[in-house]
N, C-alpha and C. Protein backbone atom coordinates (compact mmCIF):
# COMPACT_ATOMS: atom_id res chain seq x y z
N UNK A 1 108.24 217.66 60.35
CA UNK A 1 107.53 217.84 59.09
C UNK A 1 106.67 216.60 58.84
N UNK A 2 105.53 216.81 58.21
CA UNK A 2 104.63 215.70 57.92
C UNK A 2 104.36 215.62 56.42
N UNK A 3 103.95 214.44 56.01
CA UNK A 3 103.59 214.25 54.61
C UNK A 3 102.19 214.79 54.36
N UNK A 4 101.95 215.34 53.18
CA UNK A 4 100.58 215.75 52.85
C UNK A 4 99.67 214.53 52.83
N UNK A 5 98.40 214.75 53.11
CA UNK A 5 97.44 213.65 53.10
C UNK A 5 97.07 213.27 51.68
N UNK A 6 96.43 212.13 51.55
CA UNK A 6 95.91 211.69 50.25
C UNK A 6 95.03 212.79 49.67
N UNK A 7 94.16 213.35 50.52
CA UNK A 7 93.27 214.42 50.09
C UNK A 7 94.05 215.58 49.48
N UNK A 8 95.08 216.04 50.19
CA UNK A 8 95.87 217.18 49.70
C UNK A 8 96.56 216.86 48.37
N UNK A 9 97.13 215.68 48.26
CA UNK A 9 97.83 215.32 47.03
C UNK A 9 96.87 215.22 45.84
N UNK A 10 95.70 214.60 46.04
CA UNK A 10 94.72 214.50 44.96
C UNK A 10 94.15 215.87 44.61
N UNK A 11 93.92 216.69 45.61
CA UNK A 11 93.42 218.05 45.39
C UNK A 11 94.36 218.82 44.49
N UNK A 12 95.64 218.77 44.78
CA UNK A 12 96.64 219.49 43.98
C UNK A 12 96.69 218.95 42.56
N UNK A 13 96.62 217.62 42.41
CA UNK A 13 96.64 217.02 41.07
C UNK A 13 95.45 217.46 40.24
N UNK A 14 94.25 217.38 40.82
CA UNK A 14 93.04 217.81 40.10
C UNK A 14 93.08 219.30 39.78
N UNK A 15 93.44 220.07 40.78
CA UNK A 15 93.47 221.52 40.63
C UNK A 15 94.45 221.94 39.54
N UNK A 16 95.64 221.39 39.56
CA UNK A 16 96.65 221.75 38.55
C UNK A 16 96.19 221.40 37.14
N UNK A 17 95.62 220.20 36.97
CA UNK A 17 95.22 219.79 35.62
C UNK A 17 94.08 220.66 35.10
N UNK A 18 93.07 220.92 35.95
CA UNK A 18 91.94 221.74 35.51
C UNK A 18 92.39 223.17 35.23
N UNK A 19 93.22 223.73 36.10
CA UNK A 19 93.67 225.10 35.86
C UNK A 19 94.57 225.21 34.63
N UNK A 20 95.32 224.17 34.30
CA UNK A 20 96.08 224.16 33.04
C UNK A 20 95.13 224.20 31.85
N UNK A 21 94.01 223.46 31.94
CA UNK A 21 93.02 223.49 30.86
C UNK A 21 92.38 224.87 30.75
N UNK A 22 92.34 225.59 31.85
CA UNK A 22 91.77 226.93 31.85
C UNK A 22 92.79 227.96 31.35
N UNK A 23 93.92 228.05 32.01
CA UNK A 23 94.84 229.16 31.73
C UNK A 23 95.79 228.92 30.56
N UNK A 24 96.17 227.70 30.32
CA UNK A 24 97.12 227.42 29.24
C UNK A 24 96.40 226.99 27.96
N UNK A 25 95.57 225.96 28.06
CA UNK A 25 94.91 225.40 26.88
C UNK A 25 93.63 226.14 26.50
N UNK A 26 93.05 226.86 27.44
CA UNK A 26 91.81 227.61 27.22
C UNK A 26 90.65 226.73 26.73
N UNK A 27 90.61 225.51 27.26
CA UNK A 27 89.54 224.56 26.93
C UNK A 27 88.34 224.79 27.83
N UNK A 28 88.60 225.09 29.10
CA UNK A 28 87.53 225.33 30.08
C UNK A 28 87.75 226.68 30.74
N UNK A 29 86.70 227.12 31.45
CA UNK A 29 86.82 228.31 32.28
C UNK A 29 86.34 227.95 33.68
N UNK A 30 87.22 228.06 34.65
CA UNK A 30 86.87 227.79 36.04
C UNK A 30 86.01 228.95 36.54
N UNK A 31 84.85 228.62 37.12
CA UNK A 31 83.94 229.66 37.59
C UNK A 31 83.74 229.65 39.10
N UNK A 32 84.20 228.58 39.76
CA UNK A 32 84.08 228.54 41.21
C UNK A 32 85.07 227.52 41.77
N UNK A 33 85.53 227.79 42.97
CA UNK A 33 86.47 226.90 43.65
C UNK A 33 86.11 226.90 45.12
N UNK A 34 86.03 225.71 45.72
CA UNK A 34 85.74 225.58 47.15
C UNK A 34 86.82 224.71 47.78
N UNK A 35 87.29 225.13 48.91
CA UNK A 35 88.22 224.34 49.70
C UNK A 35 87.77 224.50 51.15
N UNK A 36 87.01 223.51 51.65
CA UNK A 36 86.34 223.68 52.92
C UNK A 36 86.75 222.62 53.95
N UNK A 37 86.79 223.07 55.19
CA UNK A 37 86.96 222.20 56.34
C UNK A 37 85.70 222.37 57.17
N UNK A 38 84.94 221.29 57.32
CA UNK A 38 83.73 221.33 58.14
C UNK A 38 84.13 220.99 59.57
N UNK A 39 84.16 222.00 60.41
CA UNK A 39 84.63 221.84 61.78
C UNK A 39 83.69 220.99 62.64
N UNK A 40 82.41 220.91 62.27
CA UNK A 40 81.48 220.14 63.09
C UNK A 40 81.71 218.64 62.94
N UNK A 41 82.13 218.20 61.77
CA UNK A 41 82.38 216.76 61.58
C UNK A 41 83.82 216.49 61.13
N UNK A 42 84.63 217.54 61.10
CA UNK A 42 86.06 217.44 60.76
C UNK A 42 86.28 216.74 59.42
N UNK A 43 85.53 217.18 58.41
CA UNK A 43 85.71 216.61 57.07
C UNK A 43 86.27 217.68 56.14
N UNK A 44 86.81 217.24 55.03
CA UNK A 44 87.36 218.15 54.02
C UNK A 44 86.61 217.96 52.72
N UNK A 45 86.38 219.07 52.03
CA UNK A 45 85.76 219.06 50.71
C UNK A 45 86.49 220.05 49.82
N UNK A 46 86.81 219.60 48.63
CA UNK A 46 87.40 220.47 47.62
C UNK A 46 86.57 220.32 46.36
N UNK A 47 86.23 221.44 45.72
CA UNK A 47 85.44 221.37 44.49
C UNK A 47 85.88 222.45 43.51
N UNK A 48 85.91 222.08 42.25
CA UNK A 48 86.17 223.01 41.16
C UNK A 48 84.98 222.95 40.21
N UNK A 49 84.40 224.11 39.93
CA UNK A 49 83.28 224.19 39.00
C UNK A 49 83.76 224.93 37.75
N UNK A 50 83.40 224.38 36.59
CA UNK A 50 83.84 224.98 35.34
C UNK A 50 82.88 224.64 34.21
N UNK A 51 83.03 225.36 33.11
CA UNK A 51 82.29 225.05 31.89
C UNK A 51 83.28 225.15 30.74
N UNK A 52 82.87 224.69 29.58
CA UNK A 52 83.73 224.80 28.40
C UNK A 52 83.93 226.27 28.07
N UNK A 53 85.09 226.62 27.57
CA UNK A 53 85.35 227.99 27.16
C UNK A 53 84.34 228.36 26.08
N UNK A 54 83.71 229.49 26.22
CA UNK A 54 82.75 230.01 25.26
C UNK A 54 81.47 229.18 25.15
N UNK A 55 81.23 228.26 26.06
CA UNK A 55 79.98 227.49 26.07
C UNK A 55 79.53 227.35 27.52
N UNK A 56 78.64 228.21 27.93
CA UNK A 56 78.23 228.26 29.33
C UNK A 56 76.95 227.49 29.63
N UNK A 57 76.42 226.76 28.66
CA UNK A 57 75.14 226.07 28.83
C UNK A 57 75.19 225.03 29.95
N UNK A 58 76.28 224.29 30.02
CA UNK A 58 76.43 223.21 30.99
C UNK A 58 77.66 223.46 31.86
N UNK A 59 77.51 223.22 33.17
CA UNK A 59 78.66 223.32 34.06
C UNK A 59 78.95 221.95 34.67
N UNK A 60 80.19 221.77 35.04
CA UNK A 60 80.63 220.56 35.74
C UNK A 60 81.30 220.98 37.03
N UNK A 61 81.13 220.17 38.05
CA UNK A 61 81.83 220.39 39.31
C UNK A 61 82.44 219.06 39.74
N UNK A 62 83.73 219.07 39.92
CA UNK A 62 84.44 217.90 40.45
C UNK A 62 84.59 218.12 41.94
N UNK A 63 84.15 217.17 42.73
CA UNK A 63 84.17 217.31 44.19
C UNK A 63 84.95 216.15 44.81
N UNK A 64 85.89 216.48 45.64
CA UNK A 64 86.72 215.52 46.37
C UNK A 64 86.39 215.65 47.85
N UNK A 65 86.10 214.52 48.52
CA UNK A 65 85.71 214.55 49.92
C UNK A 65 86.56 213.58 50.74
N UNK A 66 86.88 214.00 51.96
CA UNK A 66 87.56 213.12 52.91
C UNK A 66 86.91 213.32 54.28
N UNK A 67 86.45 212.23 54.87
CA UNK A 67 85.82 212.29 56.19
C UNK A 67 86.89 212.25 57.28
N UNK A 68 86.47 212.48 58.51
CA UNK A 68 87.38 212.37 59.65
C UNK A 68 87.97 210.96 59.70
N UNK A 69 87.15 209.95 59.46
CA UNK A 69 87.63 208.57 59.49
C UNK A 69 88.71 208.35 58.42
N UNK A 70 88.47 208.87 57.21
CA UNK A 70 89.45 208.73 56.13
C UNK A 70 90.78 209.36 56.55
N UNK A 71 90.71 210.57 57.08
CA UNK A 71 91.93 211.28 57.49
C UNK A 71 92.61 210.58 58.67
N UNK A 72 91.82 210.13 59.65
CA UNK A 72 92.39 209.46 60.82
C UNK A 72 93.03 208.13 60.44
N UNK A 73 92.36 207.35 59.58
CA UNK A 73 92.93 206.07 59.14
C UNK A 73 94.30 206.27 58.50
N UNK A 74 94.41 207.35 57.74
CA UNK A 74 95.69 207.61 57.06
C UNK A 74 96.74 208.14 58.03
N UNK A 75 96.40 209.14 58.80
CA UNK A 75 97.39 209.78 59.69
C UNK A 75 97.85 208.83 60.78
N UNK A 76 96.91 208.06 61.33
CA UNK A 76 97.23 207.14 62.42
C UNK A 76 97.71 205.78 61.90
N UNK A 77 97.69 205.62 60.57
CA UNK A 77 98.11 204.37 59.93
C UNK A 77 97.44 203.17 60.58
N UNK A 78 96.11 203.21 60.59
CA UNK A 78 95.30 202.15 61.20
C UNK A 78 95.46 200.87 60.37
N UNK A 79 95.92 199.77 61.01
CA UNK A 79 96.10 198.51 60.28
C UNK A 79 94.78 197.99 59.70
N UNK A 80 94.84 197.48 58.49
CA UNK A 80 93.67 196.89 57.84
C UNK A 80 92.73 197.88 57.19
N UNK A 81 92.98 199.16 57.34
CA UNK A 81 92.13 200.17 56.72
C UNK A 81 92.75 200.64 55.41
N UNK A 82 91.92 201.04 54.48
CA UNK A 82 92.37 201.56 53.19
C UNK A 82 91.90 203.00 53.05
N UNK A 83 92.70 203.95 53.54
CA UNK A 83 92.26 205.34 53.48
C UNK A 83 92.17 205.84 52.04
N UNK A 84 91.31 206.80 51.83
CA UNK A 84 91.13 207.38 50.50
C UNK A 84 90.11 208.49 50.55
N UNK A 85 89.69 208.93 49.38
CA UNK A 85 88.74 210.03 49.25
C UNK A 85 87.58 209.61 48.36
N UNK A 86 86.45 210.23 48.58
CA UNK A 86 85.31 210.04 47.69
C UNK A 86 85.37 211.09 46.59
N UNK A 87 84.94 210.69 45.40
CA UNK A 87 84.95 211.58 44.25
C UNK A 87 83.55 211.63 43.66
N UNK A 88 83.06 212.83 43.41
CA UNK A 88 81.74 213.04 42.82
C UNK A 88 81.88 214.03 41.67
N UNK A 89 80.98 213.91 40.72
CA UNK A 89 80.91 214.91 39.65
C UNK A 89 79.46 215.37 39.58
N UNK A 90 79.29 216.68 39.47
CA UNK A 90 77.96 217.28 39.32
C UNK A 90 77.93 217.97 37.96
N UNK A 91 76.87 217.74 37.21
CA UNK A 91 76.64 218.45 35.95
C UNK A 91 75.33 219.21 36.10
N UNK A 92 75.32 220.45 35.63
CA UNK A 92 74.13 221.29 35.71
C UNK A 92 73.83 221.85 34.33
N UNK A 93 72.57 221.69 33.90
CA UNK A 93 72.16 222.16 32.59
C UNK A 93 70.71 222.60 32.65
N UNK A 94 70.36 223.66 31.92
CA UNK A 94 68.98 224.10 31.83
C UNK A 94 68.30 223.34 30.70
N UNK A 95 67.11 222.79 30.99
CA UNK A 95 66.38 222.01 29.99
C UNK A 95 64.94 222.51 29.88
N UNK A 96 64.25 222.09 28.82
CA UNK A 96 62.85 222.46 28.63
C UNK A 96 61.93 221.24 28.59
N UNK A 97 62.41 220.13 28.04
CA UNK A 97 61.61 218.91 27.89
C UNK A 97 62.18 217.85 28.83
N UNK A 98 61.55 217.72 30.00
CA UNK A 98 62.09 216.85 31.04
C UNK A 98 62.27 215.42 30.56
N UNK A 99 61.23 214.83 30.02
CA UNK A 99 61.29 213.41 29.63
C UNK A 99 62.39 213.16 28.59
N UNK A 100 62.37 213.90 27.51
CA UNK A 100 63.32 213.67 26.42
C UNK A 100 64.75 214.01 26.82
N UNK A 101 64.94 215.18 27.39
CA UNK A 101 66.30 215.63 27.69
C UNK A 101 66.92 214.86 28.86
N UNK A 102 66.13 214.48 29.85
CA UNK A 102 66.68 213.69 30.96
C UNK A 102 67.13 212.31 30.46
N UNK A 103 66.38 211.74 29.54
CA UNK A 103 66.80 210.46 28.94
C UNK A 103 68.09 210.63 28.14
N UNK A 104 68.20 211.74 27.40
CA UNK A 104 69.43 212.00 26.65
C UNK A 104 70.62 212.16 27.59
N UNK A 105 70.42 212.89 28.68
CA UNK A 105 71.48 213.09 29.66
C UNK A 105 71.91 211.75 30.25
N UNK A 106 70.94 210.93 30.61
CA UNK A 106 71.24 209.61 31.17
C UNK A 106 72.05 208.78 30.17
N UNK A 107 71.62 208.77 28.91
CA UNK A 107 72.31 208.00 27.87
C UNK A 107 73.76 208.47 27.69
N UNK A 108 73.96 209.78 27.70
CA UNK A 108 75.31 210.34 27.54
C UNK A 108 76.20 209.89 28.70
N UNK A 109 75.70 210.04 29.92
CA UNK A 109 76.50 209.67 31.09
C UNK A 109 76.82 208.18 31.12
N UNK A 110 75.85 207.36 30.77
CA UNK A 110 76.08 205.92 30.77
C UNK A 110 77.08 205.52 29.68
N UNK A 111 77.01 206.18 28.53
CA UNK A 111 77.92 205.80 27.44
C UNK A 111 79.36 206.26 27.69
N UNK A 112 79.54 207.41 28.30
CA UNK A 112 80.90 207.94 28.54
C UNK A 112 81.52 207.31 29.78
N UNK A 113 80.74 207.16 30.85
CA UNK A 113 81.29 206.75 32.13
C UNK A 113 81.11 205.28 32.46
N UNK A 114 80.07 204.65 31.94
CA UNK A 114 79.77 203.26 32.27
C UNK A 114 79.85 203.04 33.79
N UNK A 115 79.08 203.85 34.55
CA UNK A 115 79.22 203.82 36.01
C UNK A 115 78.58 202.59 36.63
N UNK A 116 79.14 202.18 37.77
CA UNK A 116 78.54 201.11 38.57
C UNK A 116 77.28 201.65 39.24
N UNK A 117 77.37 202.85 39.79
CA UNK A 117 76.23 203.50 40.43
C UNK A 117 75.52 204.38 39.41
N UNK A 118 74.22 204.28 39.33
CA UNK A 118 73.46 205.03 38.35
C UNK A 118 73.51 206.53 38.64
N UNK A 119 73.65 207.37 37.60
CA UNK A 119 73.62 208.82 37.82
C UNK A 119 72.29 209.24 38.46
N UNK A 120 72.35 210.25 39.30
CA UNK A 120 71.18 210.74 40.00
C UNK A 120 70.82 212.12 39.46
N UNK A 121 69.64 212.22 38.80
CA UNK A 121 69.21 213.48 38.22
C UNK A 121 68.12 214.11 39.08
N UNK A 122 68.29 215.40 39.36
CA UNK A 122 67.28 216.17 40.09
C UNK A 122 66.87 217.34 39.20
N UNK A 123 65.56 217.49 39.01
CA UNK A 123 65.03 218.56 38.16
C UNK A 123 64.28 219.54 39.05
N UNK A 124 64.53 220.84 38.84
CA UNK A 124 63.85 221.87 39.63
C UNK A 124 63.48 223.04 38.72
N UNK A 125 62.61 223.91 39.22
CA UNK A 125 62.22 225.10 38.47
C UNK A 125 61.93 226.22 39.44
N UNK A 126 61.88 227.45 38.91
CA UNK A 126 61.57 228.62 39.72
C UNK A 126 60.07 228.89 39.58
N UNK A 127 59.38 228.84 40.69
CA UNK A 127 57.94 229.07 40.70
C UNK A 127 57.63 230.49 40.22
N UNK A 128 56.61 230.61 39.37
CA UNK A 128 56.17 231.92 38.93
C UNK A 128 56.77 232.39 37.63
N UNK A 129 57.71 231.68 37.10
CA UNK A 129 58.31 232.06 35.82
C UNK A 129 57.33 231.71 34.71
N UNK A 130 57.15 232.61 33.75
CA UNK A 130 56.24 232.37 32.64
C UNK A 130 56.74 231.27 31.73
N UNK A 131 57.98 231.35 31.33
CA UNK A 131 58.57 230.37 30.42
C UNK A 131 59.07 229.18 31.23
N UNK A 132 58.65 228.00 30.85
CA UNK A 132 59.03 226.80 31.60
C UNK A 132 60.45 226.35 31.23
N UNK A 133 61.36 226.63 32.13
CA UNK A 133 62.74 226.15 32.03
C UNK A 133 63.02 225.40 33.32
N UNK A 134 63.71 224.29 33.18
CA UNK A 134 64.02 223.46 34.33
C UNK A 134 65.52 223.37 34.50
N UNK A 135 65.96 223.25 35.72
CA UNK A 135 67.37 223.06 36.01
C UNK A 135 67.59 221.59 36.32
N UNK A 136 68.41 220.94 35.50
CA UNK A 136 68.76 219.53 35.71
C UNK A 136 70.12 219.50 36.39
N UNK A 137 70.14 218.96 37.60
CA UNK A 137 71.39 218.78 38.34
C UNK A 137 71.63 217.28 38.44
N UNK A 138 72.71 216.83 37.85
CA UNK A 138 73.01 215.41 37.82
C UNK A 138 74.25 215.13 38.62
N UNK A 139 74.16 214.11 39.48
CA UNK A 139 75.30 213.72 40.31
C UNK A 139 75.76 212.34 39.88
N UNK A 140 77.06 212.24 39.64
CA UNK A 140 77.68 210.97 39.27
C UNK A 140 78.62 210.57 40.39
N UNK A 141 78.31 209.43 41.04
CA UNK A 141 79.09 208.96 42.18
C UNK A 141 79.85 207.70 41.78
N UNK A 142 80.92 207.44 42.48
CA UNK A 142 81.74 206.27 42.20
C UNK A 142 81.67 205.32 43.40
N UNK A 143 81.79 204.04 43.13
CA UNK A 143 81.57 203.02 44.16
C UNK A 143 82.80 202.70 45.01
N UNK A 144 83.89 203.41 44.79
CA UNK A 144 85.09 203.13 45.57
C UNK A 144 85.83 204.45 45.85
N UNK A 145 86.65 204.40 46.87
CA UNK A 145 87.48 205.56 47.21
C UNK A 145 88.71 205.58 46.31
N UNK A 146 89.25 206.77 46.16
CA UNK A 146 90.48 206.90 45.38
C UNK A 146 91.62 207.33 46.31
N UNK A 147 92.83 207.06 45.87
CA UNK A 147 94.01 207.47 46.64
C UNK A 147 95.12 207.86 45.65
N UNK A 148 96.32 208.01 46.14
CA UNK A 148 97.41 208.47 45.29
C UNK A 148 97.74 207.52 44.14
N UNK A 149 97.36 206.25 44.27
CA UNK A 149 97.58 205.30 43.18
C UNK A 149 96.76 205.68 41.95
N UNK A 150 95.74 206.52 42.14
CA UNK A 150 94.89 206.97 41.04
C UNK A 150 95.36 208.29 40.43
N UNK A 151 96.45 208.84 40.93
CA UNK A 151 96.93 210.14 40.46
C UNK A 151 97.18 210.15 38.96
N UNK A 152 97.70 209.06 38.42
CA UNK A 152 97.97 208.99 36.98
C UNK A 152 96.68 209.01 36.16
N UNK A 153 95.53 208.72 36.80
CA UNK A 153 94.25 208.72 36.11
C UNK A 153 93.60 210.11 36.03
N UNK A 154 94.17 211.08 36.72
CA UNK A 154 93.58 212.42 36.77
C UNK A 154 93.38 213.02 35.37
N UNK A 155 94.39 213.02 34.50
CA UNK A 155 94.17 213.61 33.16
C UNK A 155 93.03 212.93 32.40
N UNK A 156 93.00 211.61 32.39
CA UNK A 156 91.94 210.90 31.67
C UNK A 156 90.58 211.18 32.30
N UNK A 157 90.52 211.23 33.62
CA UNK A 157 89.28 211.51 34.33
C UNK A 157 88.75 212.89 33.95
N UNK A 158 89.60 213.91 34.04
CA UNK A 158 89.16 215.28 33.71
C UNK A 158 88.80 215.38 32.23
N UNK A 159 89.54 214.70 31.37
CA UNK A 159 89.20 214.70 29.94
C UNK A 159 87.82 214.09 29.70
N UNK A 160 87.44 213.08 30.49
CA UNK A 160 86.10 212.50 30.40
C UNK A 160 85.05 213.54 30.83
N UNK A 161 85.36 214.32 31.85
CA UNK A 161 84.44 215.38 32.28
C UNK A 161 84.25 216.39 31.15
N UNK A 162 85.34 216.78 30.50
CA UNK A 162 85.28 217.74 29.39
C UNK A 162 84.47 217.15 28.23
N UNK A 163 84.70 215.89 27.91
CA UNK A 163 83.95 215.21 26.86
C UNK A 163 82.45 215.19 27.20
N UNK A 164 82.13 214.95 28.46
CA UNK A 164 80.74 214.94 28.90
C UNK A 164 80.11 216.32 28.73
N UNK A 165 80.87 217.37 29.08
CA UNK A 165 80.36 218.74 28.88
C UNK A 165 80.05 219.00 27.41
N UNK A 166 80.95 218.55 26.53
CA UNK A 166 80.72 218.74 25.08
C UNK A 166 79.43 218.05 24.65
N UNK A 167 79.24 216.83 25.09
CA UNK A 167 78.04 216.08 24.70
C UNK A 167 76.77 216.70 25.31
N UNK A 168 76.83 217.09 26.57
CA UNK A 168 75.66 217.67 27.22
C UNK A 168 75.28 219.01 26.62
N UNK A 169 76.24 219.73 26.09
CA UNK A 169 75.91 221.01 25.44
C UNK A 169 75.07 220.81 24.19
N UNK A 170 75.01 219.59 23.66
CA UNK A 170 74.20 219.30 22.46
C UNK A 170 72.80 218.81 22.82
N UNK A 171 72.50 218.69 24.11
CA UNK A 171 71.18 218.20 24.53
C UNK A 171 70.15 219.31 24.33
């Protein structure tokens, strides 16, 4: 028998907390779930996408990633290595005023998260649509890997995501 990897343990922690917010507390509604193994590079990705219950304007996706190196360092117990996973958050919202609303989104993310790495906003639109609506996809990355020592931070982390959804819904 083998121990579950850091990736598996964090995945279960995130998944359980978010699904409790969905099925028990009815704070969010999970709309998509991905659990992928990329066979070409032997990496793992887990993602949960959700929005606030009864507020579908903004969605959030929590993404957990582990590369082959991360998994190998852990399984082979490579001396001097610190295995862990990368964590990303994606927020998606439809906007009309790029300059004003993108600044508001940036301000919200900076005030809630105080990230080391600046949020990355990508704005796109569907060509040929009469009414100008833009899709703002924002990625929030973290400058360090996480491991099981961060498991106790999962509730606070997800609660920050929920708080961000609430604020972004007012943009």
